[in-house]
Amino acid sequence: MKKYTLVICAMLACLNSCMNKNKSTTEQKVENSLQTEIEQLLSSKNEDVGIHNMHSKSTESTTVNASDPYAMLSTFKFPIALAVLDKVEQGEHHMQQIIVITKEDLLENTWSPFREKYPDANVSITLEEALNWMLQESDNNITDVLLRLVGGTETVENFLNNNQIVIKNNEAAMHIDWDSQFVNTATPLAYTNLLKEFDEGKILNKEHTLWLYNAMAASKTGTARLKGKLPNVVIAQRSGSSFTNDAGVTGATNNVGIIELPNGEKIYISVFLRNTTSNSQTSDAIIANIAKIAYDHYAMQQ
């Protein structure tokens, strides 16, 4: 009897091993196929693109220049939000504390829907409202208000503790000249890993993870990019855009985010375009196509 039991156990172990190998091989083929699809898309584009995406249930990833540093522009507002909410969790600030926005806070030569709504300033808002102005409206002036509140860009860098994500300039400093836009950088690999760690609850507590996720899902900027061809899909995202110079070069067109699949699994994705001469519609479409390829690919595997 023992002999038969050992034989059966050995057969089951062998079957399990074969199934795992087949599963691993299938996953690798899926990822390699996605890599090929994205590379084929980019082969017809004369663009400097950095991409990294991961599926929430796979250790494999799709990469294009994923270890190269790219200028973040307004995608740096997500790490800022992480640092602010960490301060809230440490008890240094709270979401309903009042922040007074003065005239001196509202610089003119920058994107600021808040300034457009309150041109005379001297408005009191809560910390939670300030975060929403930064995350949903991408307001540059309110971003700098929040940075001053937590101690500046150095606080954010120290919180992240990641040498692949560099944050030195606030919004005002980024507007000094052309080169100042490109001081803050991240590799697509590092940024995607940050999104994944955040979504898995490894950075903030459950309450603030959910709050920030929902705030990013309500973002009103960059909606022609990752969401461009996925209009009915929940995407917690943050976009970033640079100036276009007199030569017609746009220094950066970015979008990063977490895309929800129909079965609740997710795609973590970072896409950065650098020094493109394409117009904004063309650049947005490149990012939209990359997201659509990834979404369709993983959705078909369910």
C-alpha atoms as a PDB file:
ATOM      1  CA  MET A   1       0.000   0.000   0.000  1.00  0.00           C
ATOM      2  CA  LYS A   2       2.813   2.378   0.903  1.00  0.00           C
ATOM      3  CA  LYS A   3       4.435   1.635  -2.443  1.00  0.00           C
ATOM      4  CA  TYR A   4       1.278   2.616  -4.358  1.00  0.00           C
ATOM      5  CA  THR A   5       0.885   5.746  -2.221  1.00  0.00           C
ATOM      6  CA  LEU A   6       4.442   6.817  -3.028  1.00  0.00           C
ATOM      7  CA  VAL A   7       3.860   6.236  -6.720  1.00  0.00           C
ATOM      8  CA  ILE A   8       0.661   8.300  -6.692  1.00  0.00           C
ATOM      9  CA  CYS A   9       2.386  11.144  -4.780  1.00  0.00           C
ATOM     10  CA  ALA A  10       5.249  11.124  -7.262  1.00  0.00           C
ATOM     11  CA  MET A  11       2.814  11.271 -10.174  1.00  0.00           C
ATOM     12  CA  LEU A  12       0.911  14.188  -8.605  1.00  0.00           C
ATOM     13  CA  ALA A  13       4.153  16.047  -7.915  1.00  0.00           C
ATOM     14  CA  CYS A  14       5.245  15.533 -11.509  1.00  0.00           C
ATOM     15  CA  LEU A  15       1.852  16.736 -12.801  1.00  0.00           C
ATOM     16  CA  ASN A  16       1.982  19.822 -10.588  1.00  0.00           C
ATOM     17  CA  SER A  17       5.511  20.580 -11.761  1.00  0.00           C
ATOM     18  CA  CYS A  18       4.468  20.286 -15.404  1.00  0.00           C
ATOM     19  CA  MET A  19       1.453  22.539 -14.833  1.00  0.00           C
ATOM     20  CA  ASN A  20       3.621  25.175 -13.185  1.00  0.00           C
ATOM     21  CA  LYS A  21       6.128  24.996 -16.035  1.00  0.00           C
ATOM     22  CA  ASN A  22       3.357  25.320 -18.596  1.00  0.00           C
ATOM     23  CA  LYS A  23       1.880  28.265 -16.684  1.00  0.00           C
ATOM     24  CA  SER A  24       5.287  29.944 -16.529  1.00  0.00           C
ATOM     25  CA  THR A  25       5.858  29.341 -20.232  1.00  0.00           C
ATOM     26  CA  THR A  26       2.395  30.705 -21.074  1.00  0.00           C
ATOM     27  CA  GLU A  27       2.948  33.840 -18.991  1.00  0.00           C
ATOM     28  CA  GLN A  28       6.310  34.408 -20.663  1.00  0.00           C
ATOM     29  CA  LYS A  29       4.759  34.053 -24.113  1.00  0.00           C
ATOM     30  CA  VAL A  30       2.010  36.499 -23.154  1.00  0.00           C
ATOM     31  CA  GLU A  31       4.554  39.052 -21.989  1.00  0.00           C
ATOM     32  CA  ASN A  32       6.839  38.535 -24.990  1.00  0.00           C
ATOM     33  CA  SER A  33       3.872  38.968 -27.315  1.00  0.00           C
ATOM     34  CA  LEU A  34       2.926  42.237 -25.595  1.00  0.00           C
ATOM     35  CA  GLN A  35       6.513  43.448 -25.838  1.00  0.00           C
ATOM     36  CA  THR A  36       6.470  42.698 -29.560  1.00  0.00           C
ATOM     37  CA  GLU A  37       3.162  44.493 -30.110  1.00  0.00           C
ATOM     38  CA  ILE A  38       4.409  47.645 -28.376  1.00  0.00           C
ATOM     39  CA  GLU A  39       7.734  47.560 -30.209  1.00  0.00           C
ATOM     40  CA  GLN A  40       5.887  47.199 -33.512  1.00  0.00           C
ATOM     41  CA  LEU A  41       3.768  50.239 -32.686  1.00  0.00           C
ATOM     42  CA  LEU A  42       6.846  52.317 -31.887  1.00  0.00           C
ATOM     43  CA  SER A  43       8.820  51.119 -34.901  1.00  0.00           C
ATOM     44  CA  SER A  44       6.861  53.468 -37.136  1.00  0.00           C
ATOM     45  CA  LYS A  45       7.353  56.416 -34.777  1.00  0.00           C
ATOM     46  CA  ASN A  46      10.465  58.539 -34.588  1.00  0.00           C
ATOM     47  CA  GLU A  47      10.097  59.100 -30.870  1.00  0.00           C
ATOM     48  CA  ASP A  48      12.167  58.781 -27.694  1.00  0.00           C
ATOM     49  CA  VAL A  49       9.797  56.793 -25.488  1.00  0.00           C
ATOM     50  CA  GLY A  50      10.285  55.216 -22.081  1.00  0.00           C
ATOM     51  CA  ILE A  51       7.798  52.532 -21.030  1.00  0.00           C
ATOM     52  CA  HIS A  52       7.384  50.123 -18.178  1.00  0.00           C
ATOM     53  CA  ASN A  53       4.231  48.190 -17.398  1.00  0.00           C
ATOM     54  CA  MET A  54       3.435  45.289 -15.094  1.00  0.00           C
ATOM     55  CA  HIS A  55       0.398  43.136 -14.515  1.00  0.00           C
ATOM     56  CA  SER A  56      -0.686  42.850 -10.873  1.00  0.00           C
ATOM     57  CA  LYS A  57      -0.593  39.054 -10.949  1.00  0.00           C
ATOM     58  CA  SER A  58       2.647  38.557 -12.882  1.00  0.00           C
ATOM     59  CA  THR A  59       6.298  39.199 -12.128  1.00  0.00           C
ATOM     60  CA  GLU A  60       7.063  39.776 -15.803  1.00  0.00           C
ATOM     61  CA  SER A  61       7.039  43.231 -17.373  1.00  0.00           C
ATOM     62  CA  THR A  62       7.161  45.076 -20.671  1.00  0.00           C
ATOM     63  CA  THR A  63      10.004  47.571 -21.017  1.00  0.00           C
ATOM     64  CA  VAL A  64      11.267  50.171 -23.461  1.00  0.00           C
ATOM     65  CA  ASN A  65      14.142  52.319 -22.174  1.00  0.00           C
ATOM     66  CA  ALA A  66      12.754  51.561 -18.729  1.00  0.00           C
ATOM     67  CA  SER A  67      16.004  52.266 -16.860  1.00  0.00           C
ATOM     68  CA  ASP A  68      16.615  55.650 -18.511  1.00  0.00           C
ATOM     69  CA  PRO A  69      15.714  58.803 -16.547  1.00  0.00           C
ATOM     70  CA  TYR A  70      12.905  60.893 -18.039  1.00  0.00           C
ATOM     71  CA  ALA A  71      11.666  64.308 -16.937  1.00  0.00           C
ATOM     72  CA  MET A  72       8.602  63.920 -14.729  1.00  0.00           C
ATOM     73  CA  LEU A  73       6.897  67.297 -15.040  1.00  0.00           C
ATOM     74  CA  SER A  74       3.511  67.076 -13.270  1.00  0.00           C
ATOM     75  CA  THR A  75       3.801  63.339 -12.671  1.00  0.00           C
ATOM     76  CA  PHE A  76       5.872  64.404  -9.656  1.00  0.00           C
ATOM     77  CA  LYS A  77       2.592  65.404  -7.975  1.00  0.00           C
ATOM     78  CA  PHE A  78       1.836  61.776  -7.110  1.00  0.00           C
ATOM     79  CA  PRO A  79       5.034  61.368  -5.020  1.00  0.00           C
ATOM     80  CA  ILE A  80       4.272  64.742  -3.407  1.00  0.00           C
ATOM     81  CA  ALA A  81       0.815  63.480  -2.442  1.00  0.00           C
ATOM     82  CA  LEU A  82       2.383  60.352  -0.948  1.00  0.00           C
ATOM     83  CA  ALA A  83       4.711  62.485   1.190  1.00  0.00           C
ATOM     84  CA  VAL A  84       1.888  64.791   2.321  1.00  0.00           C
ATOM     85  CA  LEU A  85      -0.345  61.882   3.303  1.00  0.00           C
ATOM     86  CA  ASP A  86       2.543  60.261   5.156  1.00  0.00           C
ATOM     87  CA  LYS A  87       2.817  63.463   7.202  1.00  0.00           C
ATOM     88  CA  VAL A  88      -0.898  63.164   7.933  1.00  0.00           C
ATOM     89  CA  GLU A  89      -0.410  59.595   9.122  1.00  0.00           C
ATOM     90  CA  GLN A  90       2.455  60.727  11.344  1.00  0.00           C
ATOM     91  CA  GLY A  91       0.106  63.238  12.975  1.00  0.00           C
ATOM     92  CA  GLU A  92       1.972  66.317  11.725  1.00  0.00           C
ATOM     93  CA  HIS A  93      -0.995  67.459   9.622  1.00  0.00           C
ATOM     94  CA  HIS A  94      -4.631  66.479   9.177  1.00  0.00           C
ATOM     95  CA  MET A  95      -6.909  66.462   6.178  1.00  0.00           C
ATOM     96  CA  GLN A  96      -9.298  69.104   7.508  1.00  0.00           C
ATOM     97  CA  GLN A  97      -6.687  71.601   8.638  1.00  0.00           C
ATOM     98  CA  ILE A  98      -7.100  75.042   7.118  1.00  0.00           C
ATOM     99  CA  ILE A  99      -4.630  76.483   4.618  1.00  0.00           C
ATOM    100  CA  VAL A 100      -4.913  80.142   3.651  1.00  0.00           C
ATOM    101  CA  ILE A 101      -4.016  80.804   0.003  1.00  0.00           C
ATOM    102  CA  THR A 102      -2.634  84.321  -0.373  1.00  0.00           C
ATOM    103  CA  LYS A 103      -2.079  86.483  -3.425  1.00  0.00           C
ATOM    104  CA  GLU A 104       1.651  85.794  -3.148  1.00  0.00           C
ATOM    105  CA  ASP A 105       0.952  82.068  -3.557  1.00  0.00           C
ATOM    106  CA  LEU A 106      -0.687  82.530  -6.943  1.00  0.00           C
ATOM    107  CA  LEU A 107       2.017  83.023  -9.535  1.00  0.00           C
ATOM    108  CA  GLU A 108       0.831  84.223 -12.936  1.00  0.00           C
ATOM    109  CA  ASN A 109       2.993  82.383 -15.466  1.00  0.00           C
ATOM    110  CA  THR A 110       1.889  78.856 -14.613  1.00  0.00           C
ATOM    111  CA  TRP A 111      -1.041  76.451 -14.936  1.00  0.00           C
ATOM    112  CA  SER A 112      -3.422  77.322 -12.099  1.00  0.00           C
ATOM    113  CA  PRO A 113      -7.180  76.704 -12.311  1.00  0.00           C
ATOM    114  CA  PHE A 114      -7.319  77.796  -8.652  1.00  0.00           C
ATOM    115  CA  ARG A 115      -5.982  81.236  -9.588  1.00  0.00           C
ATOM    116  CA  GLU A 116      -8.543  81.469 -12.375  1.00  0.00           C
ATOM    117  CA  LYS A 117     -11.338  80.731  -9.924  1.00  0.00           C
ATOM    118  CA  TYR A 118      -9.999  82.887  -7.085  1.00  0.00           C
ATOM    119  CA  PRO A 119      -7.943  85.682  -8.725  1.00  0.00           C
ATOM    120  CA  ASP A 120      -8.034  87.841  -5.584  1.00  0.00           C
ATOM    121  CA  ALA A 121      -6.855  84.963  -3.384  1.00  0.00           C
ATOM    122  CA  ASN A 122      -7.057  85.167   0.424  1.00  0.00           C
ATOM    123  CA  VAL A 123      -9.103  81.966   0.337  1.00  0.00           C
ATOM    124  CA  SER A 124      -9.164  79.332   3.074  1.00  0.00           C
ATOM    125  CA  ILE A 125      -9.242  75.696   1.973  1.00  0.00           C
ATOM    126  CA  THR A 126      -8.646  72.405   3.747  1.00  0.00           C
ATOM    127  CA  LEU A 127      -5.583  70.254   3.205  1.00  0.00           C
ATOM    128  CA  GLU A 128      -7.842  67.686   1.543  1.00  0.00           C
ATOM    129  CA  GLU A 129      -9.128  70.319  -0.878  1.00  0.00           C
ATOM    130  CA  ALA A 130      -5.567  71.418  -1.632  1.00  0.00           C
ATOM    131  CA  LEU A 131      -4.609  67.836  -2.489  1.00  0.00           C
ATOM    132  CA  ASN A 132      -7.586  67.582  -4.824  1.00  0.00           C
ATOM    133  CA  TRP A 133      -6.588  70.828  -6.571  1.00  0.00           C
ATOM    134  CA  MET A 134      -3.131  69.337  -7.128  1.00  0.00           C
ATOM    135  CA  LEU A 135      -4.217  65.822  -8.151  1.00  0.00           C
ATOM    136  CA  GLN A 136      -7.421  66.426 -10.065  1.00  0.00           C
ATOM    137  CA  GLU A 137      -6.778  69.861 -11.582  1.00  0.00           C
ATOM    138  CA  SER A 138      -2.955  69.624 -11.623  1.00  0.00           C
ATOM    139  CA  ASP A 139      -2.738  73.118 -10.127  1.00  0.00           C
ATOM    140  CA  ASN A 140       0.912  74.211 -10.009  1.00  0.00           C
ATOM    141  CA  ASN A 141       0.481  76.980  -7.442  1.00  0.00           C
ATOM    142  CA  ILE A 142      -1.307  74.733  -4.960  1.00  0.00           C
ATOM    143  CA  THR A 143       1.394  72.113  -5.526  1.00  0.00           C
ATOM    144  CA  ASP A 144       4.002  74.560  -4.271  1.00  0.00           C
ATOM    145  CA  VAL A 145       1.808  75.473  -1.301  1.00  0.00           C
ATOM    146  CA  LEU A 146       1.744  71.796  -0.330  1.00  0.00           C
ATOM    147  CA  LEU A 147       5.480  71.426  -0.852  1.00  0.00           C
ATOM    148  CA  ARG A 148       6.143  74.362   1.484  1.00  0.00           C
ATOM    149  CA  LEU A 149       3.793  72.817   4.033  1.00  0.00           C
ATOM    150  CA  VAL A 150       5.814  69.577   4.264  1.00  0.00           C
ATOM    151  CA  GLY A 151       9.290  71.113   4.026  1.00  0.00           C
ATOM    152  CA  GLY A 152      10.013  71.262   0.301  1.00  0.00           C
ATOM    153  CA  THR A 153      11.227  68.852  -2.347  1.00  0.00           C
ATOM    154  CA  GLU A 154      13.939  67.472  -0.068  1.00  0.00           C
ATOM    155  CA  THR A 155      11.237  66.074   2.212  1.00  0.00           C
ATOM    156  CA  VAL A 156       9.661  64.247  -0.721  1.00  0.00           C
ATOM    157  CA  GLU A 157      13.002  62.845  -1.892  1.00  0.00           C
ATOM    158  CA  ASN A 158      13.884  61.666   1.596  1.00  0.00           C
ATOM    159  CA  PHE A 159      10.482  60.028   1.947  1.00  0.00           C
ATOM    160  CA  LEU A 160      10.843  58.146  -1.344  1.00  0.00           C
ATOM    161  CA  ASN A 161      14.474  57.176  -0.660  1.00  0.00           C
ATOM    162  CA  ASN A 162      14.932  56.094  -4.274  1.00  0.00           C
ATOM    163  CA  ASN A 163      17.879  57.304  -6.343  1.00  0.00           C
ATOM    164  CA  GLN A 164      15.947  56.580  -9.550  1.00  0.00           C
ATOM    165  CA  ILE A 165      13.411  59.281  -8.665  1.00  0.00           C
ATOM    166  CA  VAL A 166      14.913  62.773  -8.426  1.00  0.00           C
ATOM    167  CA  ILE A 167      12.825  65.712  -7.184  1.00  0.00           C
ATOM    168  CA  LYS A 168      14.780  68.959  -6.775  1.00  0.00           C
ATOM    169  CA  ASN A 169      12.617  71.703  -8.320  1.00  0.00           C
ATOM    170  CA  ASN A 170       9.215  72.896  -7.245  1.00  0.00           C
ATOM    171  CA  GLU A 171       6.797  74.284  -9.851  1.00  0.00           C
ATOM    172  CA  ALA A 172       8.094  77.848  -9.564  1.00  0.00           C
ATOM    173  CA  ALA A 173      11.677  76.646 -10.142  1.00  0.00           C
ATOM    174  CA  MET A 174      10.581  74.529 -13.110  1.00  0.00           C
ATOM    175  CA  HIS A 175       9.318  77.687 -14.789  1.00  0.00           C
ATOM    176  CA  ILE A 176      12.594  79.623 -14.571  1.00  0.00           C
ATOM    177  CA  ASP A 177      13.875  78.474 -17.956  1.00  0.00           C
ATOM    178  CA  TRP A 178      13.704  75.619 -20.466  1.00  0.00           C
ATOM    179  CA  ASP A 179      16.243  73.348 -18.762  1.00  0.00           C
ATOM    180  CA  SER A 180      14.666  73.732 -15.325  1.00  0.00           C
ATOM    181  CA  GLN A 181      11.715  71.613 -16.437  1.00  0.00           C
ATOM    182  CA  PHE A 182      13.907  68.569 -16.756  1.00  0.00           C
ATOM    183  CA  VAL A 183      15.667  68.486 -13.384  1.00  0.00           C
ATOM    184  CA  ASN A 184      13.046  66.246 -11.776  1.00  0.00           C
ATOM    185  CA  THR A 185      13.413  62.791 -13.289  1.00  0.00           C
ATOM    186  CA  ALA A 186      12.310  59.194 -12.845  1.00  0.00           C
ATOM    187  CA  THR A 187      12.975  55.987 -14.693  1.00  0.00           C
ATOM    188  CA  PRO A 188       9.821  54.307 -15.997  1.00  0.00           C
ATOM    189  CA  LEU A 189      10.858  51.229 -14.018  1.00  0.00           C
ATOM    190  CA  ALA A 190      11.063  53.123 -10.731  1.00  0.00           C
ATOM    191  CA  TYR A 191       7.815  54.959 -11.293  1.00  0.00           C
ATOM    192  CA  THR A 192       5.857  51.809 -12.136  1.00  0.00           C
ATOM    193  CA  ASN A 193       7.249  50.070  -9.071  1.00  0.00           C
ATOM    194  CA  LEU A 194       6.126  53.058  -6.982  1.00  0.00           C
ATOM    195  CA  LEU A 195       2.598  52.756  -8.354  1.00  0.00           C
ATOM    196  CA  LYS A 196       2.545  49.034  -7.584  1.00  0.00           C
ATOM    197  CA  GLU A 197       3.847  49.434  -4.029  1.00  0.00           C
ATOM    198  CA  PHE A 198       1.300  52.171  -3.412  1.00  0.00           C
ATOM    199  CA  ASP A 199      -1.601  50.095  -4.749  1.00  0.00           C
ATOM    200  CA  GLU A 200      -0.539  47.100  -2.668  1.00  0.00           C
ATOM    201  CA  GLY A 201      -0.761  49.217   0.487  1.00  0.00           C
ATOM    202  CA  LYS A 202       2.973  49.206   1.179  1.00  0.00           C
ATOM    203  CA  ILE A 203       3.349  52.997   1.414  1.00  0.00           C
ATOM    204  CA  LEU A 204       0.222  54.422   3.060  1.00  0.00           C
ATOM    205  CA  ASN A 205      -2.443  52.963   5.301  1.00  0.00           C
ATOM    206  CA  LYS A 206      -5.646  51.546   3.833  1.00  0.00           C
ATOM    207  CA  GLU A 207      -7.691  54.730   4.307  1.00  0.00           C
ATOM    208  CA  HIS A 208      -5.210  57.036   2.588  1.00  0.00           C
ATOM    209  CA  THR A 209      -4.355  54.518  -0.125  1.00  0.00           C
ATOM    210  CA  LEU A 210      -8.029  54.417  -1.097  1.00  0.00           C
ATOM    211  CA  TRP A 211      -8.377  58.200  -0.829  1.00  0.00           C
ATOM    212  CA  LEU A 212      -5.397  58.863  -3.093  1.00  0.00           C
ATOM    213  CA  TYR A 213      -6.429  56.166  -5.566  1.00  0.00           C
ATOM    214  CA  ASN A 214      -9.881  57.738  -5.936  1.00  0.00           C
ATOM    215  CA  ALA A 215      -8.432  61.238  -6.246  1.00  0.00           C
ATOM    216  CA  MET A 216      -6.168  60.112  -9.086  1.00  0.00           C
ATOM    217  CA  ALA A 217      -9.046  58.271 -10.755  1.00  0.00           C
ATOM    218  CA  ALA A 218     -10.893  61.612 -10.809  1.00  0.00           C
ATOM    219  CA  SER A 219      -8.019  63.461 -12.511  1.00  0.00           C
ATOM    220  CA  LYS A 220      -9.225  65.865 -15.209  1.00  0.00           C
ATOM    221  CA  THR A 221      -5.925  66.282 -17.058  1.00  0.00           C
ATOM    222  CA  GLY A 222      -4.287  64.033 -19.639  1.00  0.00           C
ATOM    223  CA  THR A 223      -7.534  62.213 -20.365  1.00  0.00           C
ATOM    224  CA  ALA A 224      -6.610  61.721 -24.044  1.00  0.00           C
ATOM    225  CA  ARG A 225      -3.563  59.682 -23.056  1.00  0.00           C
ATOM    226  CA  LEU A 226      -3.898  56.456 -21.023  1.00  0.00           C
ATOM    227  CA  LYS A 227      -7.671  56.937 -20.971  1.00  0.00           C
ATOM    228  CA  GLY A 228      -7.855  58.077 -24.579  1.00  0.00           C
ATOM    229  CA  LYS A 229      -8.979  54.731 -26.027  1.00  0.00           C
ATOM    230  CA  LEU A 230     -10.255  53.327 -22.726  1.00  0.00           C
ATOM    231  CA  PRO A 231     -12.973  55.876 -21.866  1.00  0.00           C
ATOM    232  CA  ASN A 232     -15.071  53.581 -19.669  1.00  0.00           C
ATOM    233  CA  VAL A 233     -12.165  52.047 -17.763  1.00  0.00           C
ATOM    234  CA  VAL A 234     -11.180  53.196 -14.260  1.00  0.00           C
ATOM    235  CA  ILE A 235      -7.629  54.560 -14.404  1.00  0.00           C
ATOM    236  CA  ALA A 236      -5.947  56.196 -11.408  1.00  0.00           C
ATOM    237  CA  GLN A 237      -3.550  58.417 -13.315  1.00  0.00           C
ATOM    238  CA  ARG A 238      -1.289  61.452 -13.335  1.00  0.00           C
ATOM    239  CA  SER A 239      -0.139  63.239 -16.477  1.00  0.00           C
ATOM    240  CA  GLY A 240       2.736  65.618 -17.124  1.00  0.00           C
ATOM    241  CA  SER A 241       3.493  68.059 -19.940  1.00  0.00           C
ATOM    242  CA  SER A 242       6.326  70.472 -20.668  1.00  0.00           C
ATOM    243  CA  PHE A 243       6.484  73.663 -22.679  1.00  0.00           C
ATOM    244  CA  THR A 244       6.980  73.632 -26.433  1.00  0.00           C
ATOM    245  CA  ASN A 245       9.943  75.776 -27.501  1.00  0.00           C
ATOM    246  CA  ASP A 246      10.323  78.045 -30.541  1.00  0.00           C
ATOM    247  CA  ALA A 247      11.805  75.155 -32.521  1.00  0.00           C
ATOM    248  CA  GLY A 248       8.603  73.171 -32.026  1.00  0.00           C
ATOM    249  CA  VAL A 249      10.113  70.697 -29.569  1.00  0.00           C
ATOM    250  CA  THR A 250       7.980  69.544 -26.648  1.00  0.00           C
ATOM    251  CA  GLY A 251      10.315  68.411 -23.904  1.00  0.00           C
ATOM    252  CA  ALA A 252       8.006  65.907 -22.244  1.00  0.00           C
ATOM    253  CA  THR A 253       4.586  64.312 -22.657  1.00  0.00           C
ATOM    254  CA  ASN A 254       3.911  61.803 -19.892  1.00  0.00           C
ATOM    255  CA  ASN A 255       1.234  59.678 -18.286  1.00  0.00           C
ATOM    256  CA  VAL A 256       1.463  57.172 -15.466  1.00  0.00           C
ATOM    257  CA  GLY A 257      -1.281  55.195 -13.853  1.00  0.00           C
ATOM    258  CA  ILE A 258      -3.075  52.123 -12.628  1.00  0.00           C
ATOM    259  CA  ILE A 259      -5.521  50.595 -15.110  1.00  0.00           C
ATOM    260  CA  GLU A 260      -8.299  48.353 -13.813  1.00  0.00           C
ATOM    261  CA  LEU A 261      -9.100  45.187 -15.771  1.00  0.00           C
ATOM    262  CA  PRO A 262     -12.639  43.723 -15.875  1.00  0.00           C
ATOM    263  CA  ASN A 263     -11.797  40.990 -13.353  1.00  0.00           C
ATOM    264  CA  GLY A 264     -10.332  43.432 -10.807  1.00  0.00           C
ATOM    265  CA  GLU A 265      -6.700  42.798 -11.678  1.00  0.00           C
ATOM    266  CA  LYS A 266      -4.599  45.800 -12.655  1.00  0.00           C
ATOM    267  CA  ILE A 267      -1.950  47.114 -14.998  1.00  0.00           C
ATOM    268  CA  TYR A 268       0.711  49.455 -13.608  1.00  0.00           C
ATOM    269  CA  ILE A 269       2.067  51.589 -16.408  1.00  0.00           C
ATOM    270  CA  SER A 270       4.414  54.518 -16.987  1.00  0.00           C
ATOM    271  CA  VAL A 271       4.887  56.154 -20.384  1.00  0.00           C
ATOM    272  CA  PHE A 272       7.263  59.071 -20.998  1.00  0.00           C
ATOM    273  CA  LEU A 273       7.872  60.842 -24.336  1.00  0.00           C
ATOM    274  CA  ARG A 274      10.950  63.063 -24.607  1.00  0.00           C
ATOM    275  CA  ASN A 275      11.832  65.924 -26.972  1.00  0.00           C
ATOM    276  CA  THR A 276       9.153  65.253 -29.533  1.00  0.00           C
ATOM    277  CA  THR A 277       8.317  67.433 -32.511  1.00  0.00           C
ATOM    278  CA  SER A 278       4.909  65.804 -32.843  1.00  0.00           C
ATOM    279  CA  ASN A 279       1.861  67.852 -31.940  1.00  0.00           C
ATOM    280  CA  SER A 280       0.005  67.154 -28.698  1.00  0.00           C
ATOM    281  CA  GLN A 281      -2.700  65.076 -30.397  1.00  0.00           C
ATOM    282  CA  THR A 282      -0.117  62.754 -31.951  1.00  0.00           C
ATOM    283  CA  SER A 283       1.806  62.359 -28.690  1.00  0.00           C
ATOM    284  CA  ASP A 284      -1.395  61.703 -26.748  1.00  0.00           C
ATOM    285  CA  ALA A 285      -2.396  59.076 -29.322  1.00  0.00           C
ATOM    286  CA  ILE A 286       0.910  57.222 -28.919  1.00  0.00           C
ATOM    287  CA  ILE A 287       0.295  56.878 -25.183  1.00  0.00           C
ATOM    288  CA  ALA A 288      -3.350  55.956 -25.770  1.00  0.00           C
ATOM    289  CA  ASN A 289      -2.374  53.217 -28.219  1.00  0.00           C
ATOM    290  CA  ILE A 290       0.204  51.774 -25.827  1.00  0.00           C
ATOM    291  CA  ALA A 291      -2.406  51.620 -23.052  1.00  0.00           C
ATOM    292  CA  LYS A 292      -5.001  50.059 -25.371  1.00  0.00           C
ATOM    293  CA  ILE A 293      -2.575  47.370 -26.529  1.00  0.00           C
ATOM    294  CA  ALA A 294      -1.698  46.481 -22.932  1.00  0.00           C
ATOM    295  CA  TYR A 295      -5.327  46.508 -21.803  1.00  0.00           C
ATOM    296  CA  ASP A 296      -6.600  44.372 -24.671  1.00  0.00           C
ATOM    297  CA  HIS A 297      -3.721  41.957 -24.265  1.00  0.00           C
ATOM    298  CA  TYR A 298      -4.327  41.269 -20.577  1.00  0.00           C
ATOM    299  CA  ALA A 299      -8.113  41.387 -20.874  1.00  0.00           C
ATOM    300  CA  MET A 300      -7.996  38.567 -23.438  1.00  0.00           C
ATOM    301  CA  GLN A 301      -6.070  36.367 -20.967  1.00  0.00           C
ATOM    302  CA  GLN A 302      -8.921  36.399 -18.443  1.00  0.00           C
END
